[in-house]
Amino acid sequence: MEFLQGRALLNAVGNLELKDEYTEALHKLGHDLEAVAEQEPIAALGNGGLGRLASCFLDSLSTLNYPAWGYGLRYKYGLFQQTITTDGQKEQCEKWLEMGYPWEIPRNDISYPVKFFGKVVDSYNGIKEWVGGETVSAFAYDVPIPGFRTKNSISLRLWSTRALPEDFDLEAFNAGDYSKAGQAHANAERICYVLYPGDATDEGKLLLLRQQYTLCSASIQDIIARFKERSGSELKWDALPSKIAIQMNDTMTAHFSIPSITMQP
């Protein structure tokens, strides 16, 4: 659910053991490595030791050449920033995506439906079917995690949520009811707005649950899709437990995460 990766530039240069060469190259261009590195926004998708621990798992898996994936949510604002004013401490949104994030790779070809509410009914042919409710799409963004002294690199796959195009109420929009027209899109995007939304209210608890369910649903769909793709015509479901291991990392009360997914070749 949360990752505190730190600055990717210094991590990548260090893992490639090219810090001296990179520093010299920047000096020839009139720049300083530390000053350049400071310009990179920190992807504050985790909190303190909890988020850093999950990121360390990924660093270790990549360094040890394991075929692993990390899964999380692509929070728009991430962990909040703190400022001190004359009125005391104030929390502000952390805008790590304001200027774009050069290390992520949008995977618009990879998306999965995540369904909320609704109900399961018996269809006409006796098969159980989910109907009604609300559907959002989880789109993948991959962040490479290079290993140390190895050619291996794994990915942290982050999910961003959007509504379906057909959920936009064009009739309401043309009638001037703009809030109603875009309600489905606002609800979908709200899932990935903020890390650790306040859960003192029922609305906050529901949003937190939607975040956790989105992570689990999209990630497991992705795991199964990759298992089916690699199995090809030799697909055998009883082989799934011997090919895939899911590690869940406890974070805070009522919070959980899936920091790493290992897939056997």
C-alpha atoms as a PDB file:
ATOM      1  CA  MET A   1       0.000   0.000   0.000  1.00  0.00           C
ATOM      2  CA  GLU A   2       2.881   2.365   0.631  1.00  0.00           C
ATOM      3  CA  PHE A   3       6.457   2.875  -0.555  1.00  0.00           C
ATOM      4  CA  LEU A   4       9.039   5.501   0.352  1.00  0.00           C
ATOM      5  CA  GLN A   5      11.540   5.132  -2.468  1.00  0.00           C
ATOM      6  CA  GLY A   6      13.726   8.185  -2.052  1.00  0.00           C
ATOM      7  CA  ARG A   7      15.348   9.900  -5.027  1.00  0.00           C
ATOM      8  CA  ALA A   8      15.677   7.523  -7.955  1.00  0.00           C
ATOM      9  CA  LEU A   9      18.585   9.335  -9.654  1.00  0.00           C
ATOM     10  CA  LEU A  10      21.091   8.843  -6.843  1.00  0.00           C
ATOM     11  CA  ASN A  11      19.885   5.283  -6.295  1.00  0.00           C
ATOM     12  CA  ALA A  12      20.280   4.375  -9.978  1.00  0.00           C
ATOM     13  CA  VAL A  13      23.716   6.002 -10.348  1.00  0.00           C
ATOM     14  CA  GLY A  14      24.905   4.368  -7.140  1.00  0.00           C
ATOM     15  CA  ASN A  15      23.647   0.908  -8.058  1.00  0.00           C
ATOM     16  CA  LEU A  16      25.349   1.170 -11.445  1.00  0.00           C
ATOM     17  CA  GLU A  17      28.562   2.244  -9.660  1.00  0.00           C
ATOM     18  CA  LEU A  18      28.794   5.275 -11.915  1.00  0.00           C
ATOM     19  CA  LYS A  19      28.629   8.051  -9.328  1.00  0.00           C
ATOM     20  CA  ASP A  20      32.162   9.328  -9.990  1.00  0.00           C
ATOM     21  CA  GLU A  21      31.738   9.244 -13.775  1.00  0.00           C
ATOM     22  CA  TYR A  22      28.318  10.871 -13.554  1.00  0.00           C
ATOM     23  CA  THR A  23      29.611  13.569 -11.222  1.00  0.00           C
ATOM     24  CA  GLU A  24      32.495  14.353 -13.584  1.00  0.00           C
ATOM     25  CA  ALA A  25      30.179  14.499 -16.594  1.00  0.00           C
ATOM     26  CA  LEU A  26      27.885  16.947 -14.816  1.00  0.00           C
ATOM     27  CA  HIS A  27      30.862  19.113 -13.799  1.00  0.00           C
ATOM     28  CA  LYS A  28      31.843  19.423 -17.471  1.00  0.00           C
ATOM     29  CA  LEU A  29      28.329  20.730 -18.112  1.00  0.00           C
ATOM     30  CA  GLY A  30      28.612  23.188 -15.248  1.00  0.00           C
ATOM     31  CA  HIS A  31      26.375  21.324 -12.799  1.00  0.00           C
ATOM     32  CA  ASP A  32      26.765  19.639  -9.432  1.00  0.00           C
ATOM     33  CA  LEU A  33      25.365  16.147  -8.810  1.00  0.00           C
ATOM     34  CA  GLU A  34      23.919  16.972  -5.414  1.00  0.00           C
ATOM     35  CA  ALA A  35      22.269  20.126  -6.741  1.00  0.00           C
ATOM     36  CA  VAL A  36      20.795  18.236  -9.701  1.00  0.00           C
ATOM     37  CA  ALA A  37      19.556  15.430  -7.443  1.00  0.00           C
ATOM     38  CA  GLU A  38      17.784  17.953  -5.207  1.00  0.00           C
ATOM     39  CA  GLN A  39      15.588  18.946  -8.142  1.00  0.00           C
ATOM     40  CA  GLU A  40      13.996  15.501  -8.232  1.00  0.00           C
ATOM     41  CA  PRO A  41      10.742  15.324  -6.275  1.00  0.00           C
ATOM     42  CA  ILE A  42      10.545  12.484  -3.775  1.00  0.00           C
ATOM     43  CA  ALA A  43       7.746  10.053  -4.575  1.00  0.00           C
ATOM     44  CA  ALA A  44       6.312  10.227  -1.065  1.00  0.00           C
ATOM     45  CA  LEU A  45       4.060   7.211  -1.464  1.00  0.00           C
ATOM     46  CA  GLY A  46       4.831   5.907   2.014  1.00  0.00           C
ATOM     47  CA  ASN A  47       5.363   6.959   5.590  1.00  0.00           C
ATOM     48  CA  GLY A  48       8.620   6.744   7.518  1.00  0.00           C
ATOM     49  CA  GLY A  49      10.075   3.346   8.305  1.00  0.00           C
ATOM     50  CA  LEU A  50       7.016   1.478   7.046  1.00  0.00           C
ATOM     51  CA  GLY A  51       7.249   2.793   3.507  1.00  0.00           C
ATOM     52  CA  ARG A  52      11.026   2.575   3.494  1.00  0.00           C
ATOM     53  CA  LEU A  53      10.916  -1.053   4.607  1.00  0.00           C
ATOM     54  CA  ALA A  54       8.703  -1.951   1.646  1.00  0.00           C
ATOM     55  CA  SER A  55      11.116  -0.139  -0.684  1.00  0.00           C
ATOM     56  CA  CYS A  56      14.067  -1.979   0.853  1.00  0.00           C
ATOM     57  CA  PHE A  57      12.313  -5.250   0.049  1.00  0.00           C
ATOM     58  CA  LEU A  58      12.216  -4.226  -3.610  1.00  0.00           C
ATOM     59  CA  ASP A  59      15.869  -3.123  -3.619  1.00  0.00           C
ATOM     60  CA  SER A  60      16.928  -6.444  -2.112  1.00  0.00           C
ATOM     61  CA  LEU A  61      14.774  -8.529  -4.466  1.00  0.00           C
ATOM     62  CA  SER A  62      16.250  -6.747  -7.463  1.00  0.00           C
ATOM     63  CA  THR A  63      19.813  -7.065  -6.174  1.00  0.00           C
ATOM     64  CA  LEU A  64      19.333 -10.792  -5.513  1.00  0.00           C
ATOM     65  CA  ASN A  65      17.966 -11.255  -9.052  1.00  0.00           C
ATOM     66  CA  TYR A  66      14.514 -12.413  -8.012  1.00  0.00           C
ATOM     67  CA  PRO A  67      11.747 -12.087 -10.633  1.00  0.00           C
ATOM     68  CA  ALA A  68       9.585  -9.884  -8.413  1.00  0.00           C
ATOM     69  CA  TRP A  69       7.094  -7.029  -8.686  1.00  0.00           C
ATOM     70  CA  GLY A  70       5.980  -4.427  -6.188  1.00  0.00           C
ATOM     71  CA  TYR A  71       2.394  -3.167  -6.217  1.00  0.00           C
ATOM     72  CA  GLY A  72       0.992   0.069  -4.821  1.00  0.00           C
ATOM     73  CA  LEU A  73      -1.273   3.002  -5.584  1.00  0.00           C
ATOM     74  CA  ARG A  74      -0.146   6.059  -7.523  1.00  0.00           C
ATOM     75  CA  TYR A  75      -1.293   8.658  -5.019  1.00  0.00           C
ATOM     76  CA  LYS A  76      -1.654  12.050  -6.644  1.00  0.00           C
ATOM     77  CA  TYR A  77      -0.445  13.935  -3.578  1.00  0.00           C
ATOM     78  CA  GLY A  78       1.288  11.271  -1.519  1.00  0.00           C
ATOM     79  CA  LEU A  79       2.339  12.018   2.038  1.00  0.00           C
ATOM     80  CA  PHE A  80       1.509  15.548   3.189  1.00  0.00           C
ATOM     81  CA  GLN A  81       4.095  18.283   3.697  1.00  0.00           C
ATOM     82  CA  GLN A  82       4.371  20.128   6.986  1.00  0.00           C
ATOM     83  CA  THR A  83       4.944  23.859   7.273  1.00  0.00           C
ATOM     84  CA  ILE A  84       5.212  26.043  10.361  1.00  0.00           C
ATOM     85  CA  THR A  85       3.254  29.292  10.401  1.00  0.00           C
ATOM     86  CA  THR A  86       2.408  31.826  13.082  1.00  0.00           C
ATOM     87  CA  ASP A  87      -0.706  29.764  13.753  1.00  0.00           C
ATOM     88  CA  GLY A  88       1.323  26.590  14.293  1.00  0.00           C
ATOM     89  CA  GLN A  89       1.801  23.453  12.197  1.00  0.00           C
ATOM     90  CA  LYS A  90      -0.060  23.216   8.908  1.00  0.00           C
ATOM     91  CA  GLU A  91      -0.406  20.248   6.583  1.00  0.00           C
ATOM     92  CA  GLN A  92      -0.264  20.787   2.822  1.00  0.00           C
ATOM     93  CA  CYS A  93      -0.552  18.459  -0.156  1.00  0.00           C
ATOM     94  CA  GLU A  94       2.720  16.948  -1.345  1.00  0.00           C
ATOM     95  CA  LYS A  95       2.875  17.753  -5.085  1.00  0.00           C
ATOM     96  CA  TRP A  96       5.385  15.199  -6.365  1.00  0.00           C
ATOM     97  CA  LEU A  97       3.577  14.905  -9.726  1.00  0.00           C
ATOM     98  CA  GLU A  98       3.238  18.636 -10.357  1.00  0.00           C
ATOM     99  CA  MET A  99       6.083  18.698 -12.924  1.00  0.00           C
ATOM    100  CA  GLY A 100       5.700  15.083 -13.992  1.00  0.00           C
ATOM    101  CA  TYR A 101       7.749  12.121 -12.815  1.00  0.00           C
ATOM    102  CA  PRO A 102      10.443  11.119 -15.338  1.00  0.00           C
ATOM    103  CA  TRP A 103      11.097   7.693 -13.813  1.00  0.00           C
ATOM    104  CA  GLU A 104       7.621   6.253 -14.324  1.00  0.00           C
ATOM    105  CA  ILE A 105       6.516   4.454 -17.470  1.00  0.00           C
ATOM    106  CA  PRO A 106       2.781   4.785 -18.241  1.00  0.00           C
ATOM    107  CA  ARG A 107       1.366   1.430 -19.313  1.00  0.00           C
ATOM    108  CA  ASN A 108      -1.869   2.467 -20.968  1.00  0.00           C
ATOM    109  CA  ASP A 109      -2.117  -1.007 -22.467  1.00  0.00           C
ATOM    110  CA  ILE A 110      -2.518  -2.521 -18.997  1.00  0.00           C
ATOM    111  CA  SER A 111      -5.717  -1.811 -17.095  1.00  0.00           C
ATOM    112  CA  TYR A 112      -8.221  -3.810 -15.091  1.00  0.00           C
ATOM    113  CA  PRO A 113     -11.798  -3.172 -13.961  1.00  0.00           C
ATOM    114  CA  VAL A 114     -12.343  -2.823 -10.223  1.00  0.00           C
ATOM    115  CA  LYS A 115     -15.933  -3.287  -9.122  1.00  0.00           C
ATOM    116  CA  PHE A 116     -17.593  -1.941  -5.992  1.00  0.00           C
ATOM    117  CA  PHE A 117     -21.012  -2.579  -4.465  1.00  0.00           C
ATOM    118  CA  GLY A 118     -23.568  -4.313  -6.699  1.00  0.00           C
ATOM    119  CA  LYS A 119     -24.654  -7.882  -6.027  1.00  0.00           C
ATOM    120  CA  VAL A 120     -24.189 -11.436  -7.265  1.00  0.00           C
ATOM    121  CA  VAL A 121     -27.153 -13.069  -8.962  1.00  0.00           C
ATOM    122  CA  ASP A 122     -27.855 -16.323 -10.784  1.00  0.00           C
ATOM    123  CA  SER A 123     -27.786 -15.788 -14.524  1.00  0.00           C
ATOM    124  CA  TYR A 124     -30.023 -17.647 -16.937  1.00  0.00           C
ATOM    125  CA  ASN A 125     -27.490 -20.457 -17.440  1.00  0.00           C
ATOM    126  CA  GLY A 126     -26.930 -21.061 -13.722  1.00  0.00           C
ATOM    127  CA  ILE A 127     -23.629 -19.169 -13.522  1.00  0.00           C
ATOM    128  CA  LYS A 128     -23.150 -16.584 -10.787  1.00  0.00           C
ATOM    129  CA  GLU A 129     -22.885 -13.050 -12.162  1.00  0.00           C
ATOM    130  CA  TRP A 130     -22.052  -9.694 -10.607  1.00  0.00           C
ATOM    131  CA  VAL A 131     -24.463  -6.910 -11.600  1.00  0.00           C
ATOM    132  CA  GLY A 132     -24.971  -3.259 -10.783  1.00  0.00           C
ATOM    133  CA  GLY A 133     -22.695  -1.270  -8.558  1.00  0.00           C
ATOM    134  CA  GLU A 134     -19.784   0.869  -9.701  1.00  0.00           C
ATOM    135  CA  THR A 135     -16.800   0.095 -11.925  1.00  0.00           C
ATOM    136  CA  VAL A 136     -13.520   1.997 -12.140  1.00  0.00           C
ATOM    137  CA  SER A 137     -10.456   1.224 -14.254  1.00  0.00           C
ATOM    138  CA  ALA A 138      -7.020   0.781 -12.669  1.00  0.00           C
ATOM    139  CA  PHE A 139      -4.218   1.797 -15.068  1.00  0.00           C
ATOM    140  CA  ALA A 140      -0.608   0.719 -14.553  1.00  0.00           C
ATOM    141  CA  TYR A 141       2.459   2.943 -14.154  1.00  0.00           C
ATOM    142  CA  ASP A 142       5.807   1.137 -13.798  1.00  0.00           C
ATOM    143  CA  VAL A 143       8.762   2.531 -11.839  1.00  0.00           C
ATOM    144  CA  PRO A 144      12.027   0.612 -12.476  1.00  0.00           C
ATOM    145  CA  ILE A 145      13.946  -0.631  -9.423  1.00  0.00           C
ATOM    146  CA  PRO A 146      17.576  -1.384 -10.442  1.00  0.00           C
ATOM    147  CA  GLY A 147      19.618  -3.886  -8.463  1.00  0.00           C
ATOM    148  CA  PHE A 148      23.103  -3.235  -7.048  1.00  0.00           C
ATOM    149  CA  ARG A 149      26.007  -4.700  -9.013  1.00  0.00           C
ATOM    150  CA  THR A 150      23.654  -6.663 -11.235  1.00  0.00           C
ATOM    151  CA  LYS A 151      21.973  -6.221 -14.596  1.00  0.00           C
ATOM    152  CA  ASN A 152      18.613  -7.062 -13.062  1.00  0.00           C
ATOM    153  CA  SER A 153      15.880  -4.475 -12.703  1.00  0.00           C
ATOM    154  CA  ILE A 154      12.367  -5.099 -11.384  1.00  0.00           C
ATOM    155  CA  SER A 155       9.308  -2.851 -11.325  1.00  0.00           C
ATOM    156  CA  LEU A 156       7.133  -1.119  -8.798  1.00  0.00           C
ATOM    157  CA  ARG A 157       3.730  -1.118 -10.488  1.00  0.00           C
ATOM    158  CA  LEU A 158       1.470   1.687  -9.310  1.00  0.00           C
ATOM    159  CA  TRP A 159      -2.250   1.804 -10.048  1.00  0.00           C
ATOM    160  CA  SER A 160      -4.076   4.998 -11.019  1.00  0.00           C
ATOM    161  CA  THR A 161      -7.872   4.967 -11.100  1.00  0.00           C
ATOM    162  CA  ARG A 162     -10.220   6.460 -13.671  1.00  0.00           C
ATOM    163  CA  ALA A 163     -13.888   6.101 -14.526  1.00  0.00           C
ATOM    164  CA  LEU A 164     -15.097   4.607 -17.769  1.00  0.00           C
ATOM    165  CA  PRO A 165     -15.841   7.082 -20.595  1.00  0.00           C
ATOM    166  CA  GLU A 166     -19.447   5.910 -20.757  1.00  0.00           C
ATOM    167  CA  ASP A 167     -19.895   6.904 -17.099  1.00  0.00           C
ATOM    168  CA  PHE A 168     -19.743  10.584 -18.043  1.00  0.00           C
ATOM    169  CA  ASP A 169     -23.335  11.862 -18.005  1.00  0.00           C
ATOM    170  CA  LEU A 170     -23.461  13.926 -21.189  1.00  0.00           C
ATOM    171  CA  GLU A 171     -27.161  14.634 -20.783  1.00  0.00           C
ATOM    172  CA  ALA A 172     -26.608  16.125 -17.334  1.00  0.00           C
ATOM    173  CA  PHE A 173     -23.650  18.137 -18.617  1.00  0.00           C
ATOM    174  CA  ASN A 174     -25.665  19.659 -21.446  1.00  0.00           C
ATOM    175  CA  ALA A 175     -28.390  20.485 -18.948  1.00  0.00           C
ATOM    176  CA  GLY A 176     -25.885  22.461 -16.880  1.00  0.00           C
ATOM    177  CA  ASP A 177     -25.622  19.959 -14.017  1.00  0.00           C
ATOM    178  CA  TYR A 178     -21.833  19.663 -14.228  1.00  0.00           C
ATOM    179  CA  SER A 179     -21.382  18.123 -10.788  1.00  0.00           C
ATOM    180  CA  LYS A 180     -23.700  15.241 -11.608  1.00  0.00           C
ATOM    181  CA  ALA A 181     -22.155  14.806 -15.061  1.00  0.00           C
ATOM    182  CA  GLY A 182     -18.669  14.193 -13.702  1.00  0.00           C
ATOM    183  CA  GLN A 183     -19.588  12.490 -10.424  1.00  0.00           C
ATOM    184  CA  ALA A 184     -18.408   9.035 -11.507  1.00  0.00           C
ATOM    185  CA  HIS A 185     -15.052  10.415 -12.658  1.00  0.00           C
ATOM    186  CA  ALA A 186     -14.596  12.364  -9.417  1.00  0.00           C
ATOM    187  CA  ASN A 187     -15.369   9.266  -7.341  1.00  0.00           C
ATOM    188  CA  ALA A 188     -12.858   7.183  -9.299  1.00  0.00           C
ATOM    189  CA  GLU A 189     -10.035   9.726  -9.119  1.00  0.00           C
ATOM    190  CA  ARG A 190     -10.649  10.290  -5.404  1.00  0.00           C
ATOM    191  CA  ILE A 191      -9.379   6.770  -4.685  1.00  0.00           C
ATOM    192  CA  CYS A 192      -5.812   7.770  -5.558  1.00  0.00           C
ATOM    193  CA  TYR A 193      -5.835  11.350  -4.303  1.00  0.00           C
ATOM    194  CA  VAL A 194      -4.116  11.075  -0.920  1.00  0.00           C
ATOM    195  CA  LEU A 195      -2.079   8.564   1.054  1.00  0.00           C
ATOM    196  CA  TYR A 196      -3.723   7.916   4.443  1.00  0.00           C
ATOM    197  CA  PRO A 197      -7.047   9.732   4.069  1.00  0.00           C
ATOM    198  CA  GLY A 198      -8.570  10.690   7.400  1.00  0.00           C
ATOM    199  CA  ASP A 199     -10.765   7.829   8.600  1.00  0.00           C
ATOM    200  CA  ALA A 200     -12.546   9.503  11.515  1.00  0.00           C
ATOM    201  CA  THR A 201     -15.741   9.605   9.441  1.00  0.00           C
ATOM    202  CA  ASP A 202     -17.700   6.863   7.705  1.00  0.00           C
ATOM    203  CA  GLU A 203     -16.799   8.467   4.367  1.00  0.00           C
ATOM    204  CA  GLY A 204     -13.101   8.290   5.250  1.00  0.00           C
ATOM    205  CA  LYS A 205     -13.368   4.637   6.278  1.00  0.00           C
ATOM    206  CA  LEU A 206     -15.127   3.829   3.007  1.00  0.00           C
ATOM    207  CA  LEU A 207     -12.466   5.632   0.964  1.00  0.00           C
ATOM    208  CA  LEU A 208      -9.703   3.744   2.777  1.00  0.00           C
ATOM    209  CA  LEU A 209     -11.467   0.453   2.092  1.00  0.00           C
ATOM    210  CA  ARG A 210     -11.844   1.383  -1.579  1.00  0.00           C
ATOM    211  CA  GLN A 211      -8.105   2.101  -1.759  1.00  0.00           C
ATOM    212  CA  GLN A 212      -7.214  -1.251  -0.227  1.00  0.00           C
ATOM    213  CA  TYR A 213      -9.672  -3.168  -2.387  1.00  0.00           C
ATOM    214  CA  THR A 214      -8.461  -1.396  -5.543  1.00  0.00           C
ATOM    215  CA  LEU A 215      -4.875  -2.397  -4.778  1.00  0.00           C
ATOM    216  CA  CYS A 216      -5.806  -6.036  -4.132  1.00  0.00           C
ATOM    217  CA  SER A 217      -8.211  -6.406  -7.051  1.00  0.00           C
ATOM    218  CA  ALA A 218      -6.009  -4.812  -9.723  1.00  0.00           C
ATOM    219  CA  SER A 219      -2.826  -6.512  -8.478  1.00  0.00           C
ATOM    220  CA  ILE A 220      -4.309  -9.999  -8.312  1.00  0.00           C
ATOM    221  CA  GLN A 221      -5.887  -9.581 -11.736  1.00  0.00           C
ATOM    222  CA  ASP A 222      -2.443  -8.598 -13.033  1.00  0.00           C
ATOM    223  CA  ILE A 223      -0.809 -11.602 -11.355  1.00  0.00           C
ATOM    224  CA  ILE A 224      -3.330 -14.012 -12.831  1.00  0.00           C
ATOM    225  CA  ALA A 225      -3.108 -12.425 -16.286  1.00  0.00           C
ATOM    226  CA  ARG A 226       0.689 -12.836 -16.290  1.00  0.00           C
ATOM    227  CA  PHE A 227       0.388 -16.426 -15.045  1.00  0.00           C
ATOM    228  CA  LYS A 228      -2.036 -17.265 -17.859  1.00  0.00           C
ATOM    229  CA  GLU A 229       0.162 -15.531 -20.453  1.00  0.00           C
ATOM    230  CA  ARG A 230       3.291 -17.419 -19.399  1.00  0.00           C
ATOM    231  CA  SER A 231       1.442 -20.725 -19.165  1.00  0.00           C
ATOM    232  CA  GLY A 232       0.105 -20.487 -22.707  1.00  0.00           C
ATOM    233  CA  SER A 233      -1.639 -23.626 -23.882  1.00  0.00           C
ATOM    234  CA  GLU A 234      -0.195 -25.522 -20.880  1.00  0.00           C
ATOM    235  CA  LEU A 235      -2.323 -23.598 -18.367  1.00  0.00           C
ATOM    236  CA  LYS A 236      -2.744 -25.624 -15.185  1.00  0.00           C
ATOM    237  CA  TRP A 237      -4.348 -23.846 -12.260  1.00  0.00           C
ATOM    238  CA  ASP A 238      -2.998 -26.324  -9.738  1.00  0.00           C
ATOM    239  CA  ALA A 239       0.502 -25.045 -10.591  1.00  0.00           C
ATOM    240  CA  LEU A 240      -0.353 -21.514  -9.417  1.00  0.00           C
ATOM    241  CA  PRO A 241       0.842 -21.956  -5.789  1.00  0.00           C
ATOM    242  CA  SER A 242       4.221 -23.283  -6.923  1.00  0.00           C
ATOM    243  CA  LYS A 243       4.772 -20.400  -9.353  1.00  0.00           C
ATOM    244  CA  ILE A 244       3.567 -17.352  -7.421  1.00  0.00           C
ATOM    245  CA  ALA A 245       4.168 -16.114  -3.874  1.00  0.00           C
ATOM    246  CA  ILE A 246       2.484 -13.009  -2.458  1.00  0.00           C
ATOM    247  CA  GLN A 247       4.045 -11.259   0.513  1.00  0.00           C
ATOM    248  CA  MET A 248       1.876  -8.827   2.448  1.00  0.00           C
ATOM    249  CA  ASN A 249       3.597  -6.326   4.710  1.00  0.00           C
ATOM    250  CA  ASP A 250       1.736  -5.093   7.792  1.00  0.00           C
ATOM    251  CA  THR A 251       1.821  -1.333   8.151  1.00  0.00           C
ATOM    252  CA  MET A 252      -0.640   0.447  10.436  1.00  0.00           C
ATOM    253  CA  THR A 253      -3.911  -0.602  12.002  1.00  0.00           C
ATOM    254  CA  ALA A 254      -6.477  -1.142   9.253  1.00  0.00           C
ATOM    255  CA  HIS A 255      -3.727  -0.583   6.662  1.00  0.00           C
ATOM    256  CA  PHE A 256      -1.979  -3.289   4.696  1.00  0.00           C
ATOM    257  CA  SER A 257       0.136  -3.573   1.607  1.00  0.00           C
ATOM    258  CA  ILE A 258       1.408  -5.987  -1.019  1.00  0.00           C
ATOM    259  CA  PRO A 259       5.042  -4.861  -1.323  1.00  0.00           C
ATOM    260  CA  SER A 260       6.310  -7.700  -3.444  1.00  0.00           C
ATOM    261  CA  ILE A 261       5.102 -10.344  -5.845  1.00  0.00           C
ATOM    262  CA  THR A 262       7.541 -13.077  -6.841  1.00  0.00           C
ATOM    263  CA  MET A 263       6.914 -14.986 -10.049  1.00  0.00           C
ATOM    264  CA  GLN A 264       8.879 -18.084 -10.966  1.00  0.00           C
ATOM    265  CA  PRO A 265       9.989 -18.342 -14.617  1.00  0.00           C
END
